[in-house]
PDB file of N, CA and C in Angstrom:
ATOM      1  N   UNK A   1      66.979 215.774 169.085  1.00  0.00           N
ATOM      2  CA  UNK A   1      67.826 216.470 170.042  1.00  0.00           C
ATOM      3  C   UNK A   1      68.793 215.473 170.676  1.00  0.00           C
ATOM      4  N   UNK A   2      70.026 215.911 170.813  1.00  0.00           N
ATOM      5  CA  UNK A   2      71.072 215.105 171.436  1.00  0.00           C
ATOM      6  C   UNK A   2      71.570 215.868 172.658  1.00  0.00           C
ATOM      7  N   UNK A   3      71.705 215.165 173.775  1.00  0.00           N
ATOM      8  CA  UNK A   3      72.211 215.767 175.010  1.00  0.00           C
ATOM      9  C   UNK A   3      73.342 214.895 175.537  1.00  0.00           C
ATOM     10  N   UNK A   4      74.402 215.554 175.995  1.00  0.00           N
ATOM     11  CA  UNK A   4      75.554 214.804 176.499  1.00  0.00           C
ATOM     12  C   UNK A   4      76.185 215.557 177.670  1.00  0.00           C
ATOM     13  N   UNK A   5      76.543 214.822 178.719  1.00  0.00           N
ATOM     14  CA  UNK A   5      77.275 215.406 179.844  1.00  0.00           C
ATOM     15  C   UNK A   5      78.755 215.442 179.502  1.00  0.00           C
ATOM     16  N   UNK A   6      79.400 216.550 179.830  1.00  0.00           N
ATOM     17  CA  UNK A   6      80.820 216.735 179.527  1.00  0.00           C
ATOM     18  C   UNK A   6      81.511 217.381 180.719  1.00  0.00           C
ATOM     19  N   UNK A   7      82.833 217.260 180.736  1.00  0.00           N
ATOM     20  CA  UNK A   7      83.645 217.894 181.770  1.00  0.00           C
ATOM     21  C   UNK A   7      84.621 218.845 181.097  1.00  0.00           C
ATOM     22  N   UNK A   8      84.756 220.049 181.663  1.00  0.00           N
ATOM     23  CA  UNK A   8      85.678 221.043 181.115  1.00  0.00           C
ATOM     24  C   UNK A   8      87.103 220.559 181.358  1.00  0.00           C
ATOM     25  N   UNK A   9      87.851 220.332 180.283  1.00  0.00           N
ATOM     26  CA  UNK A   9      89.227 219.866 180.391  1.00  0.00           C
ATOM     27  C   UNK A   9      90.242 220.965 180.142  1.00  0.00           C
ATOM     28  N   UNK A  10      89.778 222.126 179.728  1.00  0.00           N
ATOM     29  CA  UNK A  10      90.663 223.261 179.455  1.00  0.00           C
ATOM     30  C   UNK A  10      91.216 223.755 180.790  1.00  0.00           C
ATOM     31  N   UNK A  11      92.534 223.752 180.934  1.00  0.00           N
ATOM     32  CA  UNK A  11      93.172 224.042 182.220  1.00  0.00           C
ATOM     33  C   UNK A  11      92.805 225.403 182.795  1.00  0.00           C
ATOM     34  N   UNK A  12      92.650 226.394 181.943  1.00  0.00           N
ATOM     35  CA  UNK A  12      92.333 227.740 182.421  1.00  0.00           C
ATOM     36  C   UNK A  12      90.838 227.951 182.606  1.00  0.00           C
ATOM     37  N   UNK A  13      90.038 226.940 182.294  1.00  0.00           N
ATOM     38  CA  UNK A  13      88.591 227.108 182.324  1.00  0.00           C
ATOM     39  C   UNK A  13      88.147 227.897 181.104  1.00  0.00           C
ATOM     40  N   UNK A  14      86.903 228.312 181.107  1.00  0.00           N
ATOM     41  CA  UNK A  14      86.388 229.059 179.956  1.00  0.00           C
ATOM     42  C   UNK A  14      86.444 230.552 180.243  1.00  0.00           C
ATOM     43  N   UNK A  15      87.643 231.104 180.066  1.00  0.00           N
ATOM     44  CA  UNK A  15      87.811 232.543 180.158  1.00  0.00           C
ATOM     45  C   UNK A  15      87.637 233.110 178.748  1.00  0.00           C
ATOM     46  N   UNK A  16      87.958 234.373 178.535  1.00  0.00           N
ATOM     47  CA  UNK A  16      87.624 235.073 177.293  1.00  0.00           C
ATOM     48  C   UNK A  16      88.068 234.366 176.012  1.00  0.00           C
ATOM     49  N   UNK A  17      89.335 234.002 175.911  1.00  0.00           N
ATOM     50  CA  UNK A  17      89.820 233.406 174.664  1.00  0.00           C
ATOM     51  C   UNK A  17      89.176 232.053 174.370  1.00  0.00           C
ATOM     52  N   UNK A  18      89.184 231.111 175.329  1.00  0.00           N
ATOM     53  CA  UNK A  18      88.528 229.833 175.045  1.00  0.00           C
ATOM     54  C   UNK A  18      87.033 229.975 174.742  1.00  0.00           C
ATOM     55  N   UNK A  19      86.359 230.928 175.389  1.00  0.00           N
ATOM     56  CA  UNK A  19      84.941 231.146 175.091  1.00  0.00           C
ATOM     57  C   UNK A  19      84.779 231.609 173.651  1.00  0.00           C
ATOM     58  N   UNK A  20      85.636 232.524 173.205  1.00  0.00           N
ATOM     59  CA  UNK A  20      85.550 233.015 171.825  1.00  0.00           C
ATOM     60  C   UNK A  20      85.743 231.878 170.829  1.00  0.00           C
ATOM     61  N   UNK A  21      86.687 230.989 171.111  1.00  0.00           N
ATOM     62  CA  UNK A  21      86.928 229.851 170.214  1.00  0.00           C
ATOM     63  C   UNK A  21      85.746 228.887 170.261  1.00  0.00           C
ATOM     64  N   UNK A  22      85.204 228.638 171.447  1.00  0.00           N
ATOM     65  CA  UNK A  22      84.044 227.752 171.574  1.00  0.00           C
ATOM     66  C   UNK A  22      82.860 228.291 170.769  1.00  0.00           C
ATOM     67  N   UNK A  23      82.623 229.586 170.850  1.00  0.00           N
ATOM     68  CA  UNK A  23      81.531 230.200 170.090  1.00  0.00           C
ATOM     69  C   UNK A  23      81.774 230.028 168.589  1.00  0.00           C
ATOM     70  N   UNK A  24      83.021 230.150 168.146  1.00  0.00           N
ATOM     71  CA  UNK A  24      83.339 229.922 166.732  1.00  0.00           C
ATOM     72  C   UNK A  24      83.053 228.482 166.336  1.00  0.00           C
ATOM     73  N   UNK A  25      83.428 227.533 167.188  1.00  0.00           N
ATOM     74  CA  UNK A  25      83.163 226.115 166.916  1.00  0.00           C
ATOM     75  C   UNK A  25      81.655 225.892 166.809  1.00  0.00           C
ATOM     76  N   UNK A  26      80.902 226.388 167.778  1.00  0.00           N
ATOM     77  CA  UNK A  26      79.446 226.196 167.796  1.00  0.00           C
ATOM     78  C   UNK A  26      78.775 226.857 166.594  1.00  0.00           C
ATOM     79  N   UNK A  27      79.292 228.004 166.187  1.00  0.00           N
ATOM     80  CA  UNK A  27      78.679 228.758 165.091  1.00  0.00           C
ATOM     81  C   UNK A  27      78.855 228.103 163.729  1.00  0.00           C
ATOM     82  N   UNK A  28      79.708 227.104 163.633  1.00  0.00           N
ATOM     83  CA  UNK A  28      79.898 226.385 162.370  1.00  0.00           C
ATOM     84  C   UNK A  28      78.715 225.482 162.048  1.00  0.00           C
ATOM     85  N   UNK A  29      77.835 225.271 163.018  1.00  0.00           N
ATOM     86  CA  UNK A  29      76.734 224.326 162.855  1.00  0.00           C
ATOM     87  C   UNK A  29      75.394 225.043 162.793  1.00  0.00           C
ATOM     88  N   UNK A  30      74.471 224.449 162.035  1.00  0.00           N
ATOM     89  CA  UNK A  30      73.127 225.006 161.920  1.00  0.00           C
ATOM     90  C   UNK A  30      72.280 224.698 163.148  1.00  0.00           C
ATOM     91  N   UNK A  31      72.616 223.649 163.864  1.00  0.00           N
ATOM     92  CA  UNK A  31      71.839 223.228 165.033  1.00  0.00           C
ATOM     93  C   UNK A  31      71.854 224.289 166.129  1.00  0.00           C
ATOM     94  N   UNK A  32      70.799 224.293 166.926  1.00  0.00           N
ATOM     95  CA  UNK A  32      70.772 225.102 168.142  1.00  0.00           C
ATOM     96  C   UNK A  32      71.583 224.345 169.186  1.00  0.00           C
ATOM     97  N   UNK A  33      72.519 225.033 169.838  1.00  0.00           N
ATOM     98  CA  UNK A  33      73.398 224.387 170.812  1.00  0.00           C
ATOM     99  C   UNK A  33      73.324 225.161 172.127  1.00  0.00           C
ATOM    100  N   UNK A  34      73.048 224.440 173.210  1.00  0.00           N
ATOM    101  CA  UNK A  34      72.943 225.056 174.527  1.00  0.00           C
ATOM    102  C   UNK A  34      73.846 224.341 175.516  1.00  0.00           C
ATOM    103  N   UNK A  35      74.401 225.117 176.449  1.00  0.00           N
ATOM    104  CA  UNK A  35      75.235 224.564 177.509  1.00  0.00           C
ATOM    105  C   UNK A  35      74.584 224.922 178.838  1.00  0.00           C
ATOM    106  N   UNK A  36      74.433 223.907 179.689  1.00  0.00           N
ATOM    107  CA  UNK A  36      73.801 224.093 180.996  1.00  0.00           C
ATOM    108  C   UNK A  36      74.799 223.811 182.109  1.00  0.00           C
ATOM    109  N   UNK A  37      74.790 224.688 183.098  1.00  0.00           N
ATOM    110  CA  UNK A  37      75.611 224.507 184.291  1.00  0.00           C
ATOM    111  C   UNK A  37      74.799 225.020 185.468  1.00  0.00           C
ATOM    112  N   UNK A  38      74.560 224.149 186.431  1.00  0.00           N
ATOM    113  CA  UNK A  38      73.708 224.548 187.554  1.00  0.00           C
ATOM    114  C   UNK A  38      72.314 224.857 187.048  1.00  0.00           C
ATOM    115  N   UNK A  39      71.812 226.044 187.377  1.00  0.00           N
ATOM    116  CA  UNK A  39      70.476 226.420 186.927  1.00  0.00           C
ATOM    117  C   UNK A  39      70.506 227.369 185.730  1.00  0.00           C
ATOM    118  N   UNK A  40      71.671 227.527 185.109  1.00  0.00           N
ATOM    119  CA  UNK A  40      71.798 228.406 183.943  1.00  0.00           C
ATOM    120  C   UNK A  40      71.876 227.594 182.657  1.00  0.00           C
ATOM    121  N   UNK A  41      71.185 228.068 181.628  1.00  0.00           N
ATOM    122  CA  UNK A  41      71.217 227.447 180.302  1.00  0.00           C
ATOM    123  C   UNK A  41      71.443 228.567 179.297  1.00  0.00           C
ATOM    124  N   UNK A  42      72.557 228.485 178.555  1.00  0.00           N
ATOM    125  CA  UNK A  42      72.876 229.562 177.618  1.00  0.00           C
ATOM    126  C   UNK A  42      73.136 229.015 176.219  1.00  0.00           C
ATOM    127  N   UNK A  43      72.950 229.886 175.254  1.00  0.00           N
ATOM    128  CA  UNK A  43      73.220 229.578 173.858  1.00  0.00           C
ATOM    129  C   UNK A  43      74.738 229.523 173.669  1.00  0.00           C
ATOM    130  N   UNK A  44      75.249 228.407 173.164  1.00  0.00           N
ATOM    131  CA  UNK A  44      76.696 228.244 172.980  1.00  0.00           C
ATOM    132  C   UNK A  44      77.245 229.137 171.872  1.00  0.00           C
ATOM    133  N   UNK A  45      76.370 229.775 171.110  1.00  0.00           N
ATOM    134  CA  UNK A  45      76.807 230.678 170.042  1.00  0.00           C
ATOM    135  C   UNK A  45      76.859 232.132 170.517  1.00  0.00           C
ATOM    136  N   UNK A  46      76.620 232.350 171.810  1.00  0.00           N
ATOM    137  CA  UNK A  46      76.610 233.690 172.387  1.00  0.00           C
ATOM    138  C   UNK A  46      77.809 233.881 173.317  1.00  0.00           C
ATOM    139  N   UNK A  47      78.710 234.783 172.943  1.00  0.00           N
ATOM    140  CA  UNK A  47      79.887 235.048 173.779  1.00  0.00           C
ATOM    141  C   UNK A  47      79.452 235.553 175.160  1.00  0.00           C
ATOM    142  N   UNK A  48      78.551 236.507 175.190  1.00  0.00           N
ATOM    143  CA  UNK A  48      78.118 237.070 176.474  1.00  0.00           C
ATOM    144  C   UNK A  48      77.444 236.011 177.341  1.00  0.00           C
ATOM    145  N   UNK A  49      76.608 235.192 176.733  1.00  0.00           N
ATOM    146  CA  UNK A  49      75.955 234.127 177.486  1.00  0.00           C
ATOM    147  C   UNK A  49      76.958 233.155 178.072  1.00  0.00           C
ATOM    148  N   UNK A  50      77.917 232.744 177.260  1.00  0.00           N
ATOM    149  CA  UNK A  50      78.930 231.787 177.716  1.00  0.00           C
ATOM    150  C   UNK A  50      79.785 232.376 178.833  1.00  0.00           C
ATOM    151  N   UNK A  51      80.107 233.649 178.754  1.00  0.00           N
ATOM    152  CA  UNK A  51      80.922 234.286 179.793  1.00  0.00           C
ATOM    153  C   UNK A  51      80.193 234.304 181.138  1.00  0.00           C
ATOM    154  N   UNK A  52      78.860 234.366 181.118  1.00  0.00           N
ATOM    155  CA  UNK A  52      78.112 234.414 182.380  1.00  0.00           C
ATOM    156  C   UNK A  52      78.199 233.102 183.152  1.00  0.00           C
ATOM    157  N   UNK A  53      78.531 232.010 182.473  1.00  0.00           N
ATOM    158  CA  UNK A  53      78.626 230.718 183.155  1.00  0.00           C
ATOM    159  C   UNK A  53      79.851 230.626 184.058  1.00  0.00           C
ATOM    160  N   UNK A  54      80.954 231.278 183.673  1.00  0.00           N
ATOM    161  CA  UNK A  54      82.171 231.245 184.491  1.00  0.00           C
ATOM    162  C   UNK A  54      82.670 229.838 184.751  1.00  0.00           C
ATOM    163  N   UNK A  55      82.739 229.022 183.724  1.00  0.00           N
ATOM    164  CA  UNK A  55      83.113 227.613 183.877  1.00  0.00           C
ATOM    165  C   UNK A  55      84.602 227.444 184.142  1.00  0.00           C
ATOM    166  N   UNK A  56      84.920 226.553 185.083  1.00  0.00           N
ATOM    167  CA  UNK A  56      86.313 226.285 185.440  1.00  0.00           C
ATOM    168  C   UNK A  56      86.688 224.860 185.056  1.00  0.00           C
ATOM    169  N   UNK A  57      87.975 224.594 185.010  1.00  0.00           N
ATOM    170  CA  UNK A  57      88.469 223.259 184.664  1.00  0.00           C
ATOM    171  C   UNK A  57      87.919 222.224 185.641  1.00  0.00           C
ATOM    172  N   UNK A  58      87.464 221.108 185.108  1.00  0.00           N
ATOM    173  CA  UNK A  58      86.925 220.034 185.922  1.00  0.00           C
ATOM    174  C   UNK A  58      85.433 220.130 186.180  1.00  0.00           C
ATOM    175  N   UNK A  59      84.832 221.231 185.807  1.00  0.00           N
ATOM    176  CA  UNK A  59      83.398 221.415 186.031  1.00  0.00           C
ATOM    177  C   UNK A  59      82.580 220.604 185.028  1.00  0.00           C
ATOM    178  N   UNK A  60      81.484 220.042 185.501  1.00  0.00           N
ATOM    179  CA  UNK A  60      80.599 219.250 184.644  1.00  0.00           C
ATOM    180  C   UNK A  60      79.514 220.148 184.055  1.00  0.00           C
ATOM    181  N   UNK A  61      79.235 219.950 182.776  1.00  0.00           N
ATOM    182  CA  UNK A  61      78.182 220.689 182.086  1.00  0.00           C
ATOM    183  C   UNK A  61      77.354 219.715 181.256  1.00  0.00           C
ATOM    184  N   UNK A  62      76.169 220.152 180.875  1.00  0.00           N
ATOM    185  CA  UNK A  62      75.350 219.366 179.971  1.00  0.00           C
ATOM    186  C   UNK A  62      75.196 220.171 178.683  1.00  0.00           C
ATOM    187  N   UNK A  63      75.527 219.539 177.567  1.00  0.00           N
ATOM    188  CA  UNK A  63      75.451 220.196 176.266  1.00  0.00           C
ATOM    189  C   UNK A  63      74.340 219.534 175.467  1.00  0.00           C
ATOM    190  N   UNK A  64      73.486 220.356 174.867  1.00  0.00           N
ATOM    191  CA  UNK A  64      72.421 219.815 174.023  1.00  0.00           C
ATOM    192  C   UNK A  64      72.454 220.506 172.670  1.00  0.00           C
ATOM    193  N   UNK A  65      72.145 219.733 171.646  1.00  0.00           N
ATOM    194  CA  UNK A  65      72.091 220.259 170.284  1.00  0.00           C
ATOM    195  C   UNK A  65      70.839 219.722 169.613  1.00  0.00           C
ATOM    196  N   UNK A  66      70.213 220.564 168.810  1.00  0.00           N
ATOM    197  CA  UNK A  66      68.998 220.168 168.114  1.00  0.00           C
ATOM    198  C   UNK A  66      69.044 220.729 166.698  1.00  0.00           C
ATOM    199  N   UNK A  67      69.023 219.827 165.718  1.00  0.00           N
ATOM    200  CA  UNK A  67      69.049 220.251 164.324  1.00  0.00           C
ATOM    201  C   UNK A  67      69.630 219.172 163.446  1.00  0.00           C
ATOM    202  N   UNK A  68      69.770 219.484 162.172  1.00  0.00           N
ATOM    203  CA  UNK A  68      70.204 218.476 161.201  1.00  0.00           C
ATOM    204  C   UNK A  68      71.625 217.987 161.423  1.00  0.00           C
ATOM    205  N   UNK A  69      72.485 218.807 162.016  1.00  0.00           N
ATOM    206  CA  UNK A  69      73.879 218.407 162.238  1.00  0.00           C
ATOM    207  C   UNK A  69      74.200 218.281 163.732  1.00  0.00           C
ATOM    208  N   UNK A  70      73.205 217.891 164.522  1.00  0.00           N
ATOM    209  CA  UNK A  70      73.352 217.848 165.980  1.00  0.00           C
ATOM    210  C   UNK A  70      74.443 216.903 166.463  1.00  0.00           C
ATOM    211  N   UNK A  71      74.583 215.743 165.842  1.00  0.00           N
ATOM    212  CA  UNK A  71      75.619 214.782 166.267  1.00  0.00           C
ATOM    213  C   UNK A  71      77.018 215.359 166.048  1.00  0.00           C
ATOM    214  N   UNK A  72      77.246 215.931 164.874  1.00  0.00           N
ATOM    215  CA  UNK A  72      78.546 216.532 164.569  1.00  0.00           C
ATOM    216  C   UNK A  72      78.821 217.706 165.503  1.00  0.00           C
ATOM    217  N   UNK A  73      77.792 218.481 165.805  1.00  0.00           N
ATOM    218  CA  UNK A  73      77.947 219.632 166.694  1.00  0.00           C
ATOM    219  C   UNK A  73      78.361 219.188 168.096  1.00  0.00           C
ATOM    220  N   UNK A  74      77.665 218.202 168.637  1.00  0.00           N
ATOM    221  CA  UNK A  74      77.986 217.689 169.978  1.00  0.00           C
ATOM    222  C   UNK A  74      79.399 217.119 170.013  1.00  0.00           C
ATOM    223  N   UNK A  75      79.763 216.364 168.983  1.00  0.00           N
ATOM    224  CA  UNK A  75      81.110 215.777 168.932  1.00  0.00           C
ATOM    225  C   UNK A  75      82.184 216.861 168.912  1.00  0.00           C
ATOM    226  N   UNK A  76      81.976 217.917 168.128  1.00  0.00           N
ATOM    227  CA  UNK A  76      82.964 219.002 168.038  1.00  0.00           C
ATOM    228  C   UNK A  76      83.077 219.772 169.345  1.00  0.00           C
ATOM    229  N   UNK A  77      81.952 220.034 169.980  1.00  0.00           N
ATOM    230  CA  UNK A  77      81.965 220.741 171.266  1.00  0.00           C
ATOM    231  C   UNK A  77      82.678 219.896 172.319  1.00  0.00           C
ATOM    232  N   UNK A  78      82.383 218.593 172.334  1.00  0.00           N
ATOM    233  CA  UNK A  78      83.033 217.706 173.310  1.00  0.00           C
ATOM    234  C   UNK A  78      84.542 217.654 173.080  1.00  0.00           C
ATOM    235  N   UNK A  79      84.954 217.574 171.841  1.00  0.00           N
ATOM    236  CA  UNK A  79      86.387 217.544 171.523  1.00  0.00           C
ATOM    237  C   UNK A  79      87.060 218.824 172.018  1.00  0.00           C
ATOM    238  N   UNK A  80      86.422 219.965 171.777  1.00  0.00           N
ATOM    239  CA  UNK A  80      86.993 221.235 172.209  1.00  0.00           C
ATOM    240  C   UNK A  80      87.064 221.324 173.736  1.00  0.00           C
ATOM    241  N   UNK A  81      85.969 221.010 174.413  1.00  0.00           N
ATOM    242  CA  UNK A  81      85.925 221.160 175.871  1.00  0.00           C
ATOM    243  C   UNK A  81      86.847 220.199 176.606  1.00  0.00           C
ATOM    244  N   UNK A  82      87.124 219.043 176.011  1.00  0.00           N
ATOM    245  CA  UNK A  82      87.947 218.044 176.697  1.00  0.00           C
ATOM    246  C   UNK A  82      89.440 218.224 176.460  1.00  0.00           C
ATOM    247  N   UNK A  83      89.810 219.142 175.573  1.00  0.00           N
ATOM    248  CA  UNK A  83      91.215 219.379 175.262  1.00  0.00           C
ATOM    249  C   UNK A  83      91.855 220.228 176.357  1.00  0.00           C
ATOM    250  N   UNK A  84      92.969 219.757 176.905  1.00  0.00           N
ATOM    251  CA  UNK A  84      93.625 220.445 178.022  1.00  0.00           C
ATOM    252  C   UNK A  84      94.262 221.768 177.611  1.00  0.00           C
ATOM    253  N   UNK A  85      94.832 221.828 176.439  1.00  0.00           N
ATOM    254  CA  UNK A  85      95.531 223.042 175.995  1.00  0.00           C
ATOM    255  C   UNK A  85      94.693 223.789 174.976  1.00  0.00           C
ATOM    256  N   UNK A  86      94.530 225.094 175.184  1.00  0.00           N
ATOM    257  CA  UNK A  86      93.790 225.934 174.226  1.00  0.00           C
ATOM    258  C   UNK A  86      94.597 227.162 173.898  1.00  0.00           C
TER     259      UNK A  86
END
């Protein structure tokens, strides 16, 4: 299992469109991927789960991945979340 702290760099935060793209990115990997914010932990492959987090730009989250491609999954999620324009 790999865990990494990240900061949301998407200017609009994770509203509907960026969440849909994030779920697509996460779904490319076999690993289980979870995003934690505060006391909530959701599956990054679930649109509804991700929408419940209501993440805004600049917010810190913890991302964890577990599986054969966990390193690649974490790197891709970090690249997506840190990009200012979506």
